[in-house]
Structures are given as C-alpha cells and as structure tokens.
C-alpha cells in the first residue's frame, strides 16, 4: 500500500493525512510504517481510533481507500484521499 498510495513518503516512516469520507466529513489520520520491517505492516495511529468509533467499525468490516490528484485553489496538484 505504501509505494503506490503514498509515494511522497520519500523514505519517511510517518505521513499525516487529511482524508474525506463518503459524507464529505474531513478526518486527520497518521499513517506509520515501521522502520526496518519491525513487527507487521503499516498502521494508522493518530486519529484512527476516533474515526473507527465515529463510524462504529467492527472487526471484519472492509474499507476502501482512494487517492487522486486534484488541483487546489493555488493551481498546484495535490493528493486528495478518500475513505
């Protein structure tokens, strides 16, 4: 997921994301990959618990993550992430 969804990590292990859900509500999440492959896979840290509680997610629920380049008000290309 890291390489194709978040190429701008550039060797960093931490990425702060602003994502939008299906109701256009904005969420701040932190995506973390463990250095040197310690433990299992990447995780969401800050903001994730709040998101899962608000959405009443349960074990076995599935989420779809989507990223697209969009032009911001300053005409610069930026990534927009949706859950």
PDB file of N, CA and C in Angstrom:
ATOM      1  N   UNK A   1       0.826  -1.195   0.000  1.00  0.00           N
ATOM      2  CA  UNK A   1       0.000   0.000   0.000  1.00  0.00           C
ATOM      3  C   UNK A   1       0.863   1.250   0.000  1.00  0.00           C
ATOM      4  N   UNK A   2       1.974   1.244   0.664  1.00  0.00           N
ATOM      5  CA  UNK A   2       2.792   2.447   0.800  1.00  0.00           C
ATOM      6  C   UNK A   2       3.291   2.959  -0.537  1.00  0.00           C
ATOM      7  N   UNK A   3       3.887   2.097  -1.339  1.00  0.00           N
ATOM      8  CA  UNK A   3       4.549   2.556  -2.555  1.00  0.00           C
ATOM      9  C   UNK A   3       3.598   3.184  -3.559  1.00  0.00           C
ATOM     10  N   UNK A   4       2.443   2.593  -3.761  1.00  0.00           N
ATOM     11  CA  UNK A   4       1.562   3.151  -4.786  1.00  0.00           C
ATOM     12  C   UNK A   4       0.541   4.141  -4.239  1.00  0.00           C
ATOM     13  N   UNK A   5       0.198   4.069  -2.958  1.00  0.00           N
ATOM     14  CA  UNK A   5      -0.760   5.028  -2.400  1.00  0.00           C
ATOM     15  C   UNK A   5      -0.085   6.290  -1.880  1.00  0.00           C
ATOM     16  N   UNK A   6       1.095   6.136  -1.303  1.00  0.00           N
ATOM     17  CA  UNK A   6       1.751   7.265  -0.659  1.00  0.00           C
ATOM     18  C   UNK A   6       3.196   7.412  -1.126  1.00  0.00           C
ATOM     19  N   UNK A   7       3.432   7.645  -2.416  1.00  0.00           N
ATOM     20  CA  UNK A   7       4.804   7.736  -2.906  1.00  0.00           C
ATOM     21  C   UNK A   7       5.579   8.906  -2.321  1.00  0.00           C
ATOM     22  N   UNK A   8       4.891   9.918  -1.775  1.00  0.00           N
ATOM     23  CA  UNK A   8       5.579  11.102  -1.263  1.00  0.00           C
ATOM     24  C   UNK A   8       6.206  10.884   0.108  1.00  0.00           C
ATOM     25  N   UNK A   9       6.194   9.674   0.620  1.00  0.00           N
ATOM     26  CA  UNK A   9       6.810   9.414   1.921  1.00  0.00           C
ATOM     27  C   UNK A   9       8.325   9.586   1.837  1.00  0.00           C
ATOM     28  N   UNK A  10       8.909   9.341   0.675  1.00  0.00           N
ATOM     29  CA  UNK A  10      10.335   9.587   0.443  1.00  0.00           C
ATOM     30  C   UNK A  10      11.228   9.081   1.567  1.00  0.00           C
ATOM     31  N   UNK A  11      11.040   7.848   1.971  1.00  0.00           N
ATOM     32  CA  UNK A  11      11.890   7.261   2.995  1.00  0.00           C
ATOM     33  C   UNK A  11      11.460   7.548   4.419  1.00  0.00           C
ATOM     34  N   UNK A  12      10.505   8.438   4.611  1.00  0.00           N
ATOM     35  CA  UNK A  12      10.000   8.732   5.948  1.00  0.00           C
ATOM     36  C   UNK A  12       9.106   7.580   6.399  1.00  0.00           C
ATOM     37  N   UNK A  13       8.939   7.443   7.689  1.00  0.00           N
ATOM     38  CA  UNK A  13       8.084   6.385   8.217  1.00  0.00           C
ATOM     39  C   UNK A  13       6.757   6.929   8.735  1.00  0.00           C
ATOM     40  N   UNK A  14       6.523   8.215   8.525  1.00  0.00           N
ATOM     41  CA  UNK A  14       5.351   8.863   9.089  1.00  0.00           C
ATOM     42  C   UNK A  14       4.737   9.808   8.058  1.00  0.00           C
ATOM     43  N   UNK A  15       3.423   9.757   7.926  1.00  0.00           N
ATOM     44  CA  UNK A  15       2.744  10.640   6.988  1.00  0.00           C
ATOM     45  C   UNK A  15       1.426  11.091   7.603  1.00  0.00           C
ATOM     46  N   UNK A  16       1.248  12.395   7.744  1.00  0.00           N
ATOM     47  CA  UNK A  16      -0.012  12.950   8.243  1.00  0.00           C
ATOM     48  C   UNK A  16      -0.944  13.146   7.057  1.00  0.00           C
ATOM     49  N   UNK A  17      -2.126  12.565   7.149  1.00  0.00           N
ATOM     50  CA  UNK A  17      -3.086  12.612   6.053  1.00  0.00           C
ATOM     51  C   UNK A  17      -4.345  13.355   6.459  1.00  0.00           C
ATOM     52  N   UNK A  18      -4.919  14.054   5.511  1.00  0.00           N
ATOM     53  CA  UNK A  18      -6.257  14.619   5.663  1.00  0.00           C
ATOM     54  C   UNK A  18      -7.111  13.852   4.676  1.00  0.00           C
ATOM     55  N   UNK A  19      -8.103  13.130   5.186  1.00  0.00           N
ATOM     56  CA  UNK A  19      -8.948  12.304   4.329  1.00  0.00           C
ATOM     57  C   UNK A  19     -10.400  12.747   4.439  1.00  0.00           C
ATOM     58  N   UNK A  20     -11.192  12.342   3.462  1.00  0.00           N
ATOM     59  CA  UNK A  20     -12.608  12.688   3.409  1.00  0.00           C
ATOM     60  C   UNK A  20     -13.399  11.388   3.311  1.00  0.00           C
ATOM     61  N   UNK A  21     -14.489  11.300   4.062  1.00  0.00           N
ATOM     62  CA  UNK A  21     -15.320  10.102   3.986  1.00  0.00           C
ATOM     63  C   UNK A  21     -16.444  10.299   2.969  1.00  0.00           C
ATOM     64  N   UNK A  22     -17.323   9.319   2.863  1.00  0.00           N
ATOM     65  CA  UNK A  22     -18.390   9.353   1.857  1.00  0.00           C
ATOM     66  C   UNK A  22     -19.411  10.460   2.091  1.00  0.00           C
ATOM     67  N   UNK A  23     -19.402  11.046   3.279  1.00  0.00           N
ATOM     68  CA  UNK A  23     -20.313  12.160   3.584  1.00  0.00           C
ATOM     69  C   UNK A  23     -19.592  13.501   3.576  1.00  0.00           C
ATOM     70  N   UNK A  24     -18.396  13.507   3.010  1.00  0.00           N
ATOM     71  CA  UNK A  24     -17.549  14.701   2.896  1.00  0.00           C
ATOM     72  C   UNK A  24     -17.056  15.224   4.237  1.00  0.00           C
ATOM     73  N   UNK A  25     -17.113  14.393   5.270  1.00  0.00           N
ATOM     74  CA  UNK A  25     -16.543  14.783   6.562  1.00  0.00           C
ATOM     75  C   UNK A  25     -15.033  14.583   6.498  1.00  0.00           C
ATOM     76  N   UNK A  26     -14.298  15.549   7.025  1.00  0.00           N
ATOM     77  CA  UNK A  26     -12.838  15.503   6.986  1.00  0.00           C
ATOM     78  C   UNK A  26     -12.289  14.854   8.250  1.00  0.00           C
ATOM     79  N   UNK A  27     -11.228  14.074   8.066  1.00  0.00           N
ATOM     80  CA  UNK A  27     -10.570  13.369   9.163  1.00  0.00           C
ATOM     81  C   UNK A  27      -9.062  13.536   9.030  1.00  0.00           C
ATOM     82  N   UNK A  28      -8.385  13.673  10.158  1.00  0.00           N
ATOM     83  CA  UNK A  28      -6.922  13.716  10.172  1.00  0.00           C
ATOM     84  C   UNK A  28      -6.423  12.381  10.712  1.00  0.00           C
ATOM     85  N   UNK A  29      -5.601  11.713   9.912  1.00  0.00           N
ATOM     86  CA  UNK A  29      -5.045  10.423  10.293  1.00  0.00           C
ATOM     87  C   UNK A  29      -3.533  10.455  10.135  1.00  0.00           C
ATOM     88  N   UNK A  30      -2.865   9.630  10.903  1.00  0.00           N
ATOM     89  CA  UNK A  30      -1.414   9.480  10.754  1.00  0.00           C
ATOM     90  C   UNK A  30      -1.140   8.050  10.294  1.00  0.00           C
ATOM     91  N   UNK A  31      -0.398   7.942   9.197  1.00  0.00           N
ATOM     92  CA  UNK A  31      -0.021   6.653   8.617  1.00  0.00           C
ATOM     93  C   UNK A  31       1.435   6.400   8.975  1.00  0.00           C
ATOM     94  N   UNK A  32       1.717   5.240   9.536  1.00  0.00           N
ATOM     95  CA  UNK A  32       3.055   4.948  10.044  1.00  0.00           C
ATOM     96  C   UNK A  32       3.525   3.598   9.530  1.00  0.00           C
ATOM     97  N   UNK A  33       4.724   3.570   8.977  1.00  0.00           N
ATOM     98  CA  UNK A  33       5.356   2.307   8.601  1.00  0.00           C
ATOM     99  C   UNK A  33       6.523   2.081   9.542  1.00  0.00           C
ATOM    100  N   UNK A  34       6.651   0.883  10.004  1.00  0.00           N
ATOM    101  CA  UNK A  34       7.713   0.573  10.967  1.00  0.00           C
ATOM    102  C   UNK A  34       9.051   0.458  10.253  1.00  0.00           C
ATOM    103  N   UNK A  35      10.084   1.121  10.780  1.00  0.00           N
ATOM    104  CA  UNK A  35      11.401   1.059  10.144  1.00  0.00           C
ATOM    105  C   UNK A  35      11.977  -0.352  10.181  1.00  0.00           C
ATOM    106  N   UNK A  36      12.721  -0.690   9.147  1.00  0.00           N
ATOM    107  CA  UNK A  36      13.437  -1.967   9.059  1.00  0.00           C
ATOM    108  C   UNK A  36      12.527  -3.180   9.176  1.00  0.00           C
ATOM    109  N   UNK A  37      11.273  -3.034   8.809  1.00  0.00           N
ATOM    110  CA  UNK A  37      10.359  -4.164   8.807  1.00  0.00           C
ATOM    111  C   UNK A  37      10.033  -4.731  10.175  1.00  0.00           C
ATOM    112  N   UNK A  38      10.256  -3.966  11.232  1.00  0.00           N
ATOM    113  CA  UNK A  38       9.920  -4.451  12.574  1.00  0.00           C
ATOM    114  C   UNK A  38       8.417  -4.651  12.691  1.00  0.00           C
ATOM    115  N   UNK A  39       8.042  -5.717  13.317  1.00  0.00           N
ATOM    116  CA  UNK A  39       6.635  -6.078  13.515  1.00  0.00           C
ATOM    117  C   UNK A  39       5.922  -6.188  12.176  1.00  0.00           C
ATOM    118  N   UNK A  40       4.624  -6.231  12.206  1.00  0.00           N
ATOM    119  CA  UNK A  40       3.860  -6.423  10.973  1.00  0.00           C
ATOM    120  C   UNK A  40       3.400  -5.100  10.385  1.00  0.00           C
ATOM    121  N   UNK A  41       3.409  -5.010   9.093  1.00  0.00           N
ATOM    122  CA  UNK A  41       2.866  -3.964   8.255  1.00  0.00           C
ATOM    123  C   UNK A  41       2.641  -2.565   8.799  1.00  0.00           C
ATOM    124  N   UNK A  42       2.209  -1.678   7.916  1.00  0.00           N
ATOM    125  CA  UNK A  42       1.924  -0.289   8.278  1.00  0.00           C
ATOM    126  C   UNK A  42       0.636  -0.178   9.089  1.00  0.00           C
ATOM    127  N   UNK A  43       0.516   0.927   9.822  1.00  0.00           N
ATOM    128  CA  UNK A  43      -0.662   1.150  10.669  1.00  0.00           C
ATOM    129  C   UNK A  43      -1.098   2.611  10.600  1.00  0.00           C
ATOM    130  N   UNK A  44      -2.359   2.841  10.925  1.00  0.00           N
ATOM    131  CA  UNK A  44      -2.840   4.193  11.166  1.00  0.00           C
ATOM    132  C   UNK A  44      -2.747   4.411  12.664  1.00  0.00           C
ATOM    133  N   UNK A  45      -2.239   5.564  13.077  1.00  0.00           N
ATOM    134  CA  UNK A  45      -2.103   5.845  14.506  1.00  0.00           C
ATOM    135  C   UNK A  45      -3.034   7.000  14.857  1.00  0.00           C
ATOM    136  N   UNK A  46      -2.514   8.202  15.024  1.00  0.00           N
ATOM    137  CA  UNK A  46      -3.313   9.356  15.462  1.00  0.00           C
ATOM    138  C   UNK A  46      -4.563   9.524  14.601  1.00  0.00           C
ATOM    139  N   UNK A  47      -5.702   9.682  15.254  1.00  0.00           N
ATOM    140  CA  UNK A  47      -6.963   9.922  14.567  1.00  0.00           C
ATOM    141  C   UNK A  47      -7.739   8.673  14.189  1.00  0.00           C
ATOM    142  N   UNK A  48      -7.070   7.545  14.149  1.00  0.00           N
ATOM    143  CA  UNK A  48      -7.722   6.320  13.695  1.00  0.00           C
ATOM    144  C   UNK A  48      -8.808   5.853  14.663  1.00  0.00           C
ATOM    145  N   UNK A  49      -8.517   5.860  15.950  1.00  0.00           N
ATOM    146  CA  UNK A  49      -9.498   5.398  16.938  1.00  0.00           C
ATOM    147  C   UNK A  49     -10.763   6.267  16.883  1.00  0.00           C
ATOM    148  N   UNK A  50     -10.569   7.564  16.760  1.00  0.00           N
ATOM    149  CA  UNK A  50     -11.717   8.479  16.665  1.00  0.00           C
ATOM    150  C   UNK A  50     -12.568   8.144  15.439  1.00  0.00           C
ATOM    151  N   UNK A  51     -11.902   7.913  14.316  1.00  0.00           N
ATOM    152  CA  UNK A  51     -12.597   7.566  13.080  1.00  0.00           C
ATOM    153  C   UNK A  51     -13.382   6.263  13.238  1.00  0.00           C
ATOM    154  N   UNK A  52     -12.739   5.223  13.772  1.00  0.00           N
ATOM    155  CA  UNK A  52     -13.407   3.924  13.888  1.00  0.00           C
ATOM    156  C   UNK A  52     -14.596   3.976  14.847  1.00  0.00           C
ATOM    157  N   UNK A  53     -14.470   4.759  15.916  1.00  0.00           N
ATOM    158  CA  UNK A  53     -15.596   4.886  16.855  1.00  0.00           C
ATOM    159  C   UNK A  53     -16.751   5.656  16.222  1.00  0.00           C
ATOM    160  N   UNK A  54     -16.440   6.737  15.535  1.00  0.00           N
ATOM    161  CA  UNK A  54     -17.487   7.546  14.897  1.00  0.00           C
ATOM    162  C   UNK A  54     -18.233   6.748  13.830  1.00  0.00           C
ATOM    163  N   UNK A  55     -17.523   5.879  13.147  1.00  0.00           N
ATOM    164  CA  UNK A  55     -18.123   5.071  12.079  1.00  0.00           C
ATOM    165  C   UNK A  55     -18.659   3.738  12.591  1.00  0.00           C
ATOM    166  N   UNK A  56     -18.441   3.484  13.877  1.00  0.00           N
ATOM    167  CA  UNK A  56     -18.880   2.227  14.503  1.00  0.00           C
ATOM    168  C   UNK A  56     -18.362   1.008  13.747  1.00  0.00           C
ATOM    169  N   UNK A  57     -17.089   1.063  13.387  1.00  0.00           N
ATOM    170  CA  UNK A  57     -16.486  -0.051  12.666  1.00  0.00           C
ATOM    171  C   UNK A  57     -16.301  -1.248  13.587  1.00  0.00           C
ATOM    172  N   UNK A  58     -16.409  -2.423  13.010  1.00  0.00           N
ATOM    173  CA  UNK A  58     -16.239  -3.659  13.757  1.00  0.00           C
ATOM    174  C   UNK A  58     -15.238  -4.549  13.037  1.00  0.00           C
ATOM    175  N   UNK A  59     -14.670  -5.494  13.772  1.00  0.00           N
ATOM    176  CA  UNK A  59     -13.758  -6.462  13.174  1.00  0.00           C
ATOM    177  C   UNK A  59     -14.478  -7.137  12.015  1.00  0.00           C
ATOM    178  N   UNK A  60     -13.804  -7.196  10.880  1.00  0.00           N
ATOM    179  CA  UNK A  60     -14.390  -7.806   9.687  1.00  0.00           C
ATOM    180  C   UNK A  60     -14.957  -6.801   8.706  1.00  0.00           C
ATOM    181  N   UNK A  61     -15.196  -5.560   9.146  1.00  0.00           N
ATOM    182  CA  UNK A  61     -15.649  -4.520   8.225  1.00  0.00           C
ATOM    183  C   UNK A  61     -14.541  -4.241   7.219  1.00  0.00           C
ATOM    184  N   UNK A  62     -14.909  -3.839   6.035  1.00  0.00           N
ATOM    185  CA  UNK A  62     -13.938  -3.525   4.994  1.00  0.00           C
ATOM    186  C   UNK A  62     -14.048  -2.061   4.600  1.00  0.00           C
ATOM    187  N   UNK A  63     -12.887  -1.443   4.376  1.00  0.00           N
ATOM    188  CA  UNK A  63     -12.818  -0.046   3.946  1.00  0.00           C
ATOM    189  C   UNK A  63     -12.128   0.017   2.599  1.00  0.00           C
ATOM    190  N   UNK A  64     -12.497   0.998   1.811  1.00  0.00           N
ATOM    191  CA  UNK A  64     -11.821   1.252   0.546  1.00  0.00           C
ATOM    192  C   UNK A  64     -11.138   2.605   0.647  1.00  0.00           C
ATOM    193  N   UNK A  65      -9.843   2.629   0.345  1.00  0.00           N
ATOM    194  CA  UNK A  65      -9.073   3.867   0.351  1.00  0.00           C
ATOM    195  C   UNK A  65      -8.815   4.265  -1.092  1.00  0.00           C
ATOM    196  N   UNK A  66      -8.963   5.552  -1.373  1.00  0.00           N
ATOM    197  CA  UNK A  66      -8.807   6.043  -2.731  1.00  0.00           C
ATOM    198  C   UNK A  66      -8.025   7.343  -2.703  1.00  0.00           C
ATOM    199  N   UNK A  67      -7.073   7.475  -3.591  1.00  0.00           N
ATOM    200  CA  UNK A  67      -6.302   8.709  -3.696  1.00  0.00           C
ATOM    201  C   UNK A  67      -6.337   9.222  -5.128  1.00  0.00           C
ATOM    202  N   UNK A  68      -6.461  10.527  -5.289  1.00  0.00           N
ATOM    203  CA  UNK A  68      -6.496  11.131  -6.619  1.00  0.00           C
ATOM    204  C   UNK A  68      -5.795  12.481  -6.587  1.00  0.00           C
ATOM    205  N   UNK A  69      -5.160  12.824  -7.692  1.00  0.00           N
ATOM    206  CA  UNK A  69      -4.550  14.149  -7.794  1.00  0.00           C
ATOM    207  C   UNK A  69      -5.625  15.155  -8.189  1.00  0.00           C
ATOM    208  N   UNK A  70      -5.646  16.279  -7.488  1.00  0.00           N
ATOM    209  CA  UNK A  70      -6.596  17.354  -7.787  1.00  0.00           C
ATOM    210  C   UNK A  70      -5.849  18.680  -7.792  1.00  0.00           C
ATOM    211  N   UNK A  71      -6.400  19.654  -8.483  1.00  0.00           N
ATOM    212  CA  UNK A  71      -5.814  20.997  -8.474  1.00  0.00           C
ATOM    213  C   UNK A  71      -6.429  21.778  -7.329  1.00  0.00           C
ATOM    214  N   UNK A  72      -5.584  22.302  -6.488  1.00  0.00           N
ATOM    215  CA  UNK A  72      -6.039  23.106  -5.354  1.00  0.00           C
ATOM    216  C   UNK A  72      -6.290  24.536  -5.824  1.00  0.00           C
ATOM    217  N   UNK A  73      -6.756  25.372  -4.918  1.00  0.00           N
ATOM    218  CA  UNK A  73      -7.035  26.768  -5.241  1.00  0.00           C
ATOM    219  C   UNK A  73      -5.828  27.509  -5.785  1.00  0.00           C
ATOM    220  N   UNK A  74      -4.628  27.079  -5.393  1.00  0.00           N
ATOM    221  CA  UNK A  74      -3.406  27.726  -5.882  1.00  0.00           C
ATOM    222  C   UNK A  74      -2.915  27.108  -7.193  1.00  0.00           C
ATOM    223  N   UNK A  75      -3.758  26.259  -7.811  1.00  0.00           N
ATOM    224  CA  UNK A  75      -3.491  25.605  -9.095  1.00  0.00           C
ATOM    225  C   UNK A  75      -2.420  24.518  -9.017  1.00  0.00           C
ATOM    226  N   UNK A  76      -1.921  24.219  -7.827  1.00  0.00           N
ATOM    227  CA  UNK A  76      -0.927  23.161  -7.653  1.00  0.00           C
ATOM    228  C   UNK A  76      -1.627  21.808  -7.564  1.00  0.00           C
ATOM    229  N   UNK A  77      -0.989  20.787  -8.124  1.00  0.00           N
ATOM    230  CA  UNK A  77      -1.522  19.435  -7.997  1.00  0.00           C
ATOM    231  C   UNK A  77      -1.269  18.926  -6.586  1.00  0.00           C
ATOM    232  N   UNK A  78      -2.304  18.410  -5.967  1.00  0.00           N
ATOM    233  CA  UNK A  78      -2.195  17.858  -4.618  1.00  0.00           C
ATOM    234  C   UNK A  78      -2.960  16.548  -4.587  1.00  0.00           C
ATOM    235  N   UNK A  79      -2.638  15.717  -3.614  1.00  0.00           N
ATOM    236  CA  UNK A  79      -3.350  14.452  -3.454  1.00  0.00           C
ATOM    237  C   UNK A  79      -4.567  14.651  -2.560  1.00  0.00           C
ATOM    238  N   UNK A  80      -5.662  14.039  -2.937  1.00  0.00           N
ATOM    239  CA  UNK A  80      -6.874  14.024  -2.115  1.00  0.00           C
ATOM    240  C   UNK A  80      -7.161  12.559  -1.799  1.00  0.00           C
ATOM    241  N   UNK A  81      -7.324  12.264  -0.509  1.00  0.00           N
ATOM    242  CA  UNK A  81      -7.564  10.887  -0.076  1.00  0.00           C
ATOM    243  C   UNK A  81      -8.973  10.744   0.456  1.00  0.00           C
ATOM    244  N   UNK A  82      -9.626   9.675   0.042  1.00  0.00           N
ATOM    245  CA  UNK A  82     -10.992   9.410   0.479  1.00  0.00           C
ATOM    246  C   UNK A  82     -11.076   8.011   1.063  1.00  0.00           C
ATOM    247  N   UNK A  83     -11.938   7.875   2.066  1.00  0.00           N
ATOM    248  CA  UNK A  83     -12.194   6.560   2.663  1.00  0.00           C
ATOM    249  C   UNK A  83     -13.653   6.244   2.396  1.00  0.00           C
TER     250      UNK A  83
END
